[in-house]
């Protein structure tokens, strides 16, 4: 490389090194995904009573047994600076929610501190549970109950709505 281009090449190398370092650090400081538990209801924030968790767990297990579609619920204390969509998507992928051959999983994710709610769907359920319907369930069922301090009612209602959507019975 001629002496004319040397400063440009050096600056480009420095820029590439900086960008690759930032990219690697992003992965290092990302919120850690917990190991996949055996339960479908995972309340890391402690907002549900044991009876409420158990009732939701039984409902989700019965629905899975009758349809093979898995619905998981995760309530976190905080996103720890992560984006709600990115983290909930990574969590759903890492846990492998849904049947592998059917890709039919749904994750209801709640970050309590940031007041963020996401419904993440796998390809196998996106035909009936669209992003638009998921948004309506969050806005019309989950959020109003959460504003009243009733996390169980919001999550139980969301599960009921998802079951109705799958059966073609949901009305907004």
C-alpha atoms as a PDB file:
ATOM      1  CA  UNK A   1       0.000   0.000   0.000  1.00  0.00           C
ATOM      2  CA  UNK A   2       1.434   3.357  -0.996  1.00  0.00           C
ATOM      3  CA  UNK A   3       2.284   6.017   1.537  1.00  0.00           C
ATOM      4  CA  UNK A   4      -0.731   7.941   0.254  1.00  0.00           C
ATOM      5  CA  UNK A   5      -3.208   5.314   1.502  1.00  0.00           C
ATOM      6  CA  UNK A   6      -1.375   4.256   4.694  1.00  0.00           C
ATOM      7  CA  UNK A   7      -3.153   6.738   7.045  1.00  0.00           C
ATOM      8  CA  UNK A   8      -6.548   5.748   5.604  1.00  0.00           C
ATOM      9  CA  UNK A   9      -5.842   2.015   5.999  1.00  0.00           C
ATOM     10  CA  UNK A  10      -4.657   2.541   9.589  1.00  0.00           C
ATOM     11  CA  UNK A  11      -7.816   4.479  10.455  1.00  0.00           C
ATOM     12  CA  UNK A  12     -10.001   1.784   8.888  1.00  0.00           C
ATOM     13  CA  UNK A  13      -8.198  -0.940  10.865  1.00  0.00           C
ATOM     14  CA  UNK A  14      -8.685   1.027  14.077  1.00  0.00           C
ATOM     15  CA  UNK A  15     -12.356   1.561  13.309  1.00  0.00           C
ATOM     16  CA  UNK A  16     -12.899  -2.129  12.536  1.00  0.00           C
ATOM     17  CA  UNK A  17     -11.128  -3.115  15.744  1.00  0.00           C
ATOM     18  CA  UNK A  18     -13.289  -0.714  17.756  1.00  0.00           C
ATOM     19  CA  UNK A  19     -16.520  -1.931  16.138  1.00  0.00           C
ATOM     20  CA  UNK A  20     -15.676  -5.599  16.616  1.00  0.00           C
ATOM     21  CA  UNK A  21     -14.779  -4.934  20.280  1.00  0.00           C
ATOM     22  CA  UNK A  22     -18.114  -3.192  20.862  1.00  0.00           C
ATOM     23  CA  UNK A  23     -19.965  -6.069  19.196  1.00  0.00           C
ATOM     24  CA  UNK A  24     -18.217  -8.614  21.427  1.00  0.00           C
ATOM     25  CA  UNK A  25     -18.849  -6.528  24.564  1.00  0.00           C
ATOM     26  CA  UNK A  26     -22.543  -6.334  23.699  1.00  0.00           C
ATOM     27  CA  UNK A  27     -22.733 -10.124  24.000  1.00  0.00           C
ATOM     28  CA  UNK A  28     -20.729 -10.132  27.232  1.00  0.00           C
ATOM     29  CA  UNK A  29     -23.014  -7.680  29.014  1.00  0.00           C
ATOM     30  CA  UNK A  30     -26.314  -9.056  27.693  1.00  0.00           C
ATOM     31  CA  UNK A  31     -28.809 -10.274  30.298  1.00  0.00           C
ATOM     32  CA  UNK A  32     -28.174 -13.921  30.975  1.00  0.00           C
ATOM     33  CA  UNK A  33     -30.793 -16.478  29.962  1.00  0.00           C
ATOM     34  CA  UNK A  34     -31.581 -18.791  32.893  1.00  0.00           C
ATOM     35  CA  UNK A  35     -31.510 -22.554  32.398  1.00  0.00           C
ATOM     36  CA  UNK A  36     -34.816 -23.905  31.141  1.00  0.00           C
ATOM     37  CA  UNK A  37     -36.948 -24.924  34.120  1.00  0.00           C
ATOM     38  CA  UNK A  38     -39.392 -27.821  34.228  1.00  0.00           C
ATOM     39  CA  UNK A  39     -42.337 -25.479  34.817  1.00  0.00           C
ATOM     40  CA  UNK A  40     -44.301 -23.392  32.325  1.00  0.00           C
ATOM     41  CA  UNK A  41     -44.905 -20.570  34.844  1.00  0.00           C
ATOM     42  CA  UNK A  42     -41.712 -18.903  36.049  1.00  0.00           C
ATOM     43  CA  UNK A  43     -42.214 -15.979  38.400  1.00  0.00           C
ATOM     44  CA  UNK A  44     -38.741 -14.587  39.102  1.00  0.00           C
ATOM     45  CA  UNK A  45     -40.308 -11.373  40.452  1.00  0.00           C
ATOM     46  CA  UNK A  46     -42.500 -13.090  43.050  1.00  0.00           C
ATOM     47  CA  UNK A  47     -45.759 -11.390  42.052  1.00  0.00           C
ATOM     48  CA  UNK A  48     -47.899 -14.557  42.001  1.00  0.00           C
ATOM     49  CA  UNK A  49     -48.892 -16.608  45.012  1.00  0.00           C
ATOM     50  CA  UNK A  50     -48.013 -20.321  44.949  1.00  0.00           C
ATOM     51  CA  UNK A  51     -51.710 -21.120  44.410  1.00  0.00           C
ATOM     52  CA  UNK A  52     -51.901 -18.712  41.444  1.00  0.00           C
ATOM     53  CA  UNK A  53     -48.733 -20.156  39.877  1.00  0.00           C
ATOM     54  CA  UNK A  54     -50.086 -23.647  40.346  1.00  0.00           C
ATOM     55  CA  UNK A  55     -53.463 -22.787  38.794  1.00  0.00           C
ATOM     56  CA  UNK A  56     -51.767 -21.257  35.731  1.00  0.00           C
ATOM     57  CA  UNK A  57     -49.359 -24.193  35.492  1.00  0.00           C
ATOM     58  CA  UNK A  58     -52.235 -26.694  35.518  1.00  0.00           C
ATOM     59  CA  UNK A  59     -54.098 -24.734  32.843  1.00  0.00           C
ATOM     60  CA  UNK A  60     -51.017 -24.540  30.606  1.00  0.00           C
ATOM     61  CA  UNK A  61     -50.204 -28.250  31.036  1.00  0.00           C
ATOM     62  CA  UNK A  62     -53.800 -29.245  30.237  1.00  0.00           C
ATOM     63  CA  UNK A  63     -53.771 -27.046  27.135  1.00  0.00           C
ATOM     64  CA  UNK A  64     -50.484 -28.524  25.985  1.00  0.00           C
ATOM     65  CA  UNK A  65     -51.808 -32.060  26.486  1.00  0.00           C
ATOM     66  CA  UNK A  66     -54.944 -31.338  24.455  1.00  0.00           C
ATOM     67  CA  UNK A  67     -53.325 -29.354  21.620  1.00  0.00           C
ATOM     68  CA  UNK A  68     -49.512 -29.857  21.813  1.00  0.00           C
ATOM     69  CA  UNK A  69     -49.117 -26.041  21.825  1.00  0.00           C
ATOM     70  CA  UNK A  70     -46.951 -24.841  24.688  1.00  0.00           C
ATOM     71  CA  UNK A  71     -47.557 -21.519  26.391  1.00  0.00           C
ATOM     72  CA  UNK A  72     -44.906 -20.374  28.864  1.00  0.00           C
ATOM     73  CA  UNK A  73     -45.064 -17.416  31.233  1.00  0.00           C
ATOM     74  CA  UNK A  74     -41.974 -15.613  32.534  1.00  0.00           C
ATOM     75  CA  UNK A  75     -42.143 -12.716  34.970  1.00  0.00           C
ATOM     76  CA  UNK A  76     -38.768 -11.043  35.483  1.00  0.00           C
ATOM     77  CA  UNK A  77     -37.830  -8.369  37.996  1.00  0.00           C
ATOM     78  CA  UNK A  78     -35.920  -6.365  35.373  1.00  0.00           C
ATOM     79  CA  UNK A  79     -34.553  -6.416  31.855  1.00  0.00           C
ATOM     80  CA  UNK A  80     -31.246  -5.064  33.209  1.00  0.00           C
ATOM     81  CA  UNK A  81     -30.936  -2.664  30.282  1.00  0.00           C
ATOM     82  CA  UNK A  82     -31.894  -5.186  27.575  1.00  0.00           C
ATOM     83  CA  UNK A  83     -34.512  -4.537  24.947  1.00  0.00           C
ATOM     84  CA  UNK A  84     -37.757  -6.364  25.836  1.00  0.00           C
ATOM     85  CA  UNK A  85     -38.283  -7.755  22.340  1.00  0.00           C
ATOM     86  CA  UNK A  86     -34.709  -8.976  21.907  1.00  0.00           C
ATOM     87  CA  UNK A  87     -34.474 -10.575  25.344  1.00  0.00           C
ATOM     88  CA  UNK A  88     -37.870 -12.297  25.219  1.00  0.00           C
ATOM     89  CA  UNK A  89     -37.089 -13.589  21.721  1.00  0.00           C
ATOM     90  CA  UNK A  90     -33.687 -14.943  22.867  1.00  0.00           C
ATOM     91  CA  UNK A  91     -35.349 -16.505  25.912  1.00  0.00           C
ATOM     92  CA  UNK A  92     -38.034 -18.234  23.826  1.00  0.00           C
ATOM     93  CA  UNK A  93     -35.401 -19.561  21.419  1.00  0.00           C
ATOM     94  CA  UNK A  94     -33.033 -20.734  24.163  1.00  0.00           C
ATOM     95  CA  UNK A  95     -35.791 -22.563  26.020  1.00  0.00           C
ATOM     96  CA  UNK A  96     -37.214 -24.130  22.857  1.00  0.00           C
ATOM     97  CA  UNK A  97     -40.822 -23.440  23.811  1.00  0.00           C
ATOM     98  CA  UNK A  98     -43.182 -25.519  21.662  1.00  0.00           C
ATOM     99  CA  UNK A  99     -42.841 -28.860  19.902  1.00  0.00           C
ATOM    100  CA  UNK A 100     -39.727 -29.035  17.713  1.00  0.00           C
ATOM    101  CA  UNK A 101     -41.526 -30.543  14.746  1.00  0.00           C
ATOM    102  CA  UNK A 102     -44.457 -28.099  15.009  1.00  0.00           C
ATOM    103  CA  UNK A 103     -42.678 -24.949  16.245  1.00  0.00           C
ATOM    104  CA  UNK A 104     -45.847 -24.135  18.203  1.00  0.00           C
ATOM    105  CA  UNK A 105     -44.768 -22.219  21.274  1.00  0.00           C
ATOM    106  CA  UNK A 106     -45.918 -18.972  22.864  1.00  0.00           C
ATOM    107  CA  UNK A 107     -44.065 -16.980  25.507  1.00  0.00           C
ATOM    108  CA  UNK A 108     -45.782 -14.355  27.628  1.00  0.00           C
ATOM    109  CA  UNK A 109     -42.926 -12.268  29.003  1.00  0.00           C
ATOM    110  CA  UNK A 110     -43.240  -9.577  31.677  1.00  0.00           C
ATOM    111  CA  UNK A 111     -40.453  -7.297  32.922  1.00  0.00           C
ATOM    112  CA  UNK A 112     -41.864  -5.835  36.126  1.00  0.00           C
ATOM    113  CA  UNK A 113     -39.470  -2.918  36.728  1.00  0.00           C
ATOM    114  CA  UNK A 114     -39.730  -1.596  33.168  1.00  0.00           C
ATOM    115  CA  UNK A 115     -43.424  -2.435  32.839  1.00  0.00           C
ATOM    116  CA  UNK A 116     -42.783  -4.215  29.540  1.00  0.00           C
ATOM    117  CA  UNK A 117     -44.921  -7.053  28.242  1.00  0.00           C
ATOM    118  CA  UNK A 118     -44.247  -9.164  25.153  1.00  0.00           C
ATOM    119  CA  UNK A 119     -46.018 -12.105  23.596  1.00  0.00           C
ATOM    120  CA  UNK A 120     -43.501 -14.019  21.492  1.00  0.00           C
ATOM    121  CA  UNK A 121     -44.867 -16.561  19.022  1.00  0.00           C
ATOM    122  CA  UNK A 122     -43.178 -19.316  17.073  1.00  0.00           C
ATOM    123  CA  UNK A 123     -43.900 -19.827  13.388  1.00  0.00           C
ATOM    124  CA  UNK A 124     -46.353 -22.669  14.074  1.00  0.00           C
ATOM    125  CA  UNK A 125     -48.813 -20.391  15.895  1.00  0.00           C
ATOM    126  CA  UNK A 126     -48.367 -17.174  13.925  1.00  0.00           C
ATOM    127  CA  UNK A 127     -51.145 -18.209  11.557  1.00  0.00           C
ATOM    128  CA  UNK A 128     -53.723 -17.670  14.289  1.00  0.00           C
ATOM    129  CA  UNK A 129     -51.885 -15.586  16.920  1.00  0.00           C
ATOM    130  CA  UNK A 130     -50.641 -12.610  14.932  1.00  0.00           C
ATOM    131  CA  UNK A 131     -48.631  -9.710  16.291  1.00  0.00           C
ATOM    132  CA  UNK A 132     -51.757  -7.540  16.035  1.00  0.00           C
ATOM    133  CA  UNK A 133     -53.812  -9.975  18.131  1.00  0.00           C
ATOM    134  CA  UNK A 134     -50.981 -10.305  20.641  1.00  0.00           C
ATOM    135  CA  UNK A 135     -50.891  -6.521  20.982  1.00  0.00           C
ATOM    136  CA  UNK A 136     -54.663  -6.429  21.573  1.00  0.00           C
ATOM    137  CA  UNK A 137     -54.402  -9.106  24.251  1.00  0.00           C
ATOM    138  CA  UNK A 138     -51.678  -7.090  25.987  1.00  0.00           C
ATOM    139  CA  UNK A 139     -53.620  -3.811  25.720  1.00  0.00           C
ATOM    140  CA  UNK A 140     -57.129  -5.135  26.484  1.00  0.00           C
ATOM    141  CA  UNK A 141     -56.494  -7.948  28.967  1.00  0.00           C
ATOM    142  CA  UNK A 142     -53.061  -7.873  30.573  1.00  0.00           C
ATOM    143  CA  UNK A 143     -52.416  -4.137  31.018  1.00  0.00           C
ATOM    144  CA  UNK A 144     -55.780  -3.230  32.617  1.00  0.00           C
ATOM    145  CA  UNK A 145     -55.427  -6.031  35.181  1.00  0.00           C
ATOM    146  CA  UNK A 146     -51.794  -5.149  35.899  1.00  0.00           C
ATOM    147  CA  UNK A 147     -52.768  -1.501  36.461  1.00  0.00           C
ATOM    148  CA  UNK A 148     -55.137  -2.755  39.175  1.00  0.00           C
ATOM    149  CA  UNK A 149     -52.276  -4.753  40.698  1.00  0.00           C
ATOM    150  CA  UNK A 150     -53.791  -8.095  39.705  1.00  0.00           C
ATOM    151  CA  UNK A 151     -51.026  -9.939  37.859  1.00  0.00           C
ATOM    152  CA  UNK A 152     -52.832 -13.264  38.061  1.00  0.00           C
ATOM    153  CA  UNK A 153     -56.004 -11.924  36.400  1.00  0.00           C
ATOM    154  CA  UNK A 154     -53.971 -10.374  33.590  1.00  0.00           C
ATOM    155  CA  UNK A 155     -51.984 -13.522  32.881  1.00  0.00           C
ATOM    156  CA  UNK A 156     -54.921 -15.897  33.320  1.00  0.00           C
ATOM    157  CA  UNK A 157     -57.026 -13.723  31.025  1.00  0.00           C
ATOM    158  CA  UNK A 158     -54.229 -13.625  28.432  1.00  0.00           C
ATOM    159  CA  UNK A 159     -53.966 -17.417  28.472  1.00  0.00           C
ATOM    160  CA  UNK A 160     -57.756 -17.667  28.048  1.00  0.00           C
ATOM    161  CA  UNK A 161     -57.609 -15.199  25.145  1.00  0.00           C
ATOM    162  CA  UNK A 162     -54.810 -17.139  23.423  1.00  0.00           C
ATOM    163  CA  UNK A 163     -56.781 -20.371  23.804  1.00  0.00           C
ATOM    164  CA  UNK A 164     -59.852 -18.641  22.312  1.00  0.00           C
ATOM    165  CA  UNK A 165     -57.797 -17.245  19.427  1.00  0.00           C
ATOM    166  CA  UNK A 166     -56.478 -20.725  18.648  1.00  0.00           C
ATOM    167  CA  UNK A 167     -60.019 -22.093  18.653  1.00  0.00           C
ATOM    168  CA  UNK A 168     -61.288 -19.231  16.483  1.00  0.00           C
ATOM    169  CA  UNK A 169     -63.530 -17.938  19.290  1.00  0.00           C
ATOM    170  CA  UNK A 170     -61.720 -14.741  20.324  1.00  0.00           C
ATOM    171  CA  UNK A 171     -63.685 -11.521  20.022  1.00  0.00           C
ATOM    172  CA  UNK A 172     -62.102  -8.175  20.703  1.00  0.00           C
END
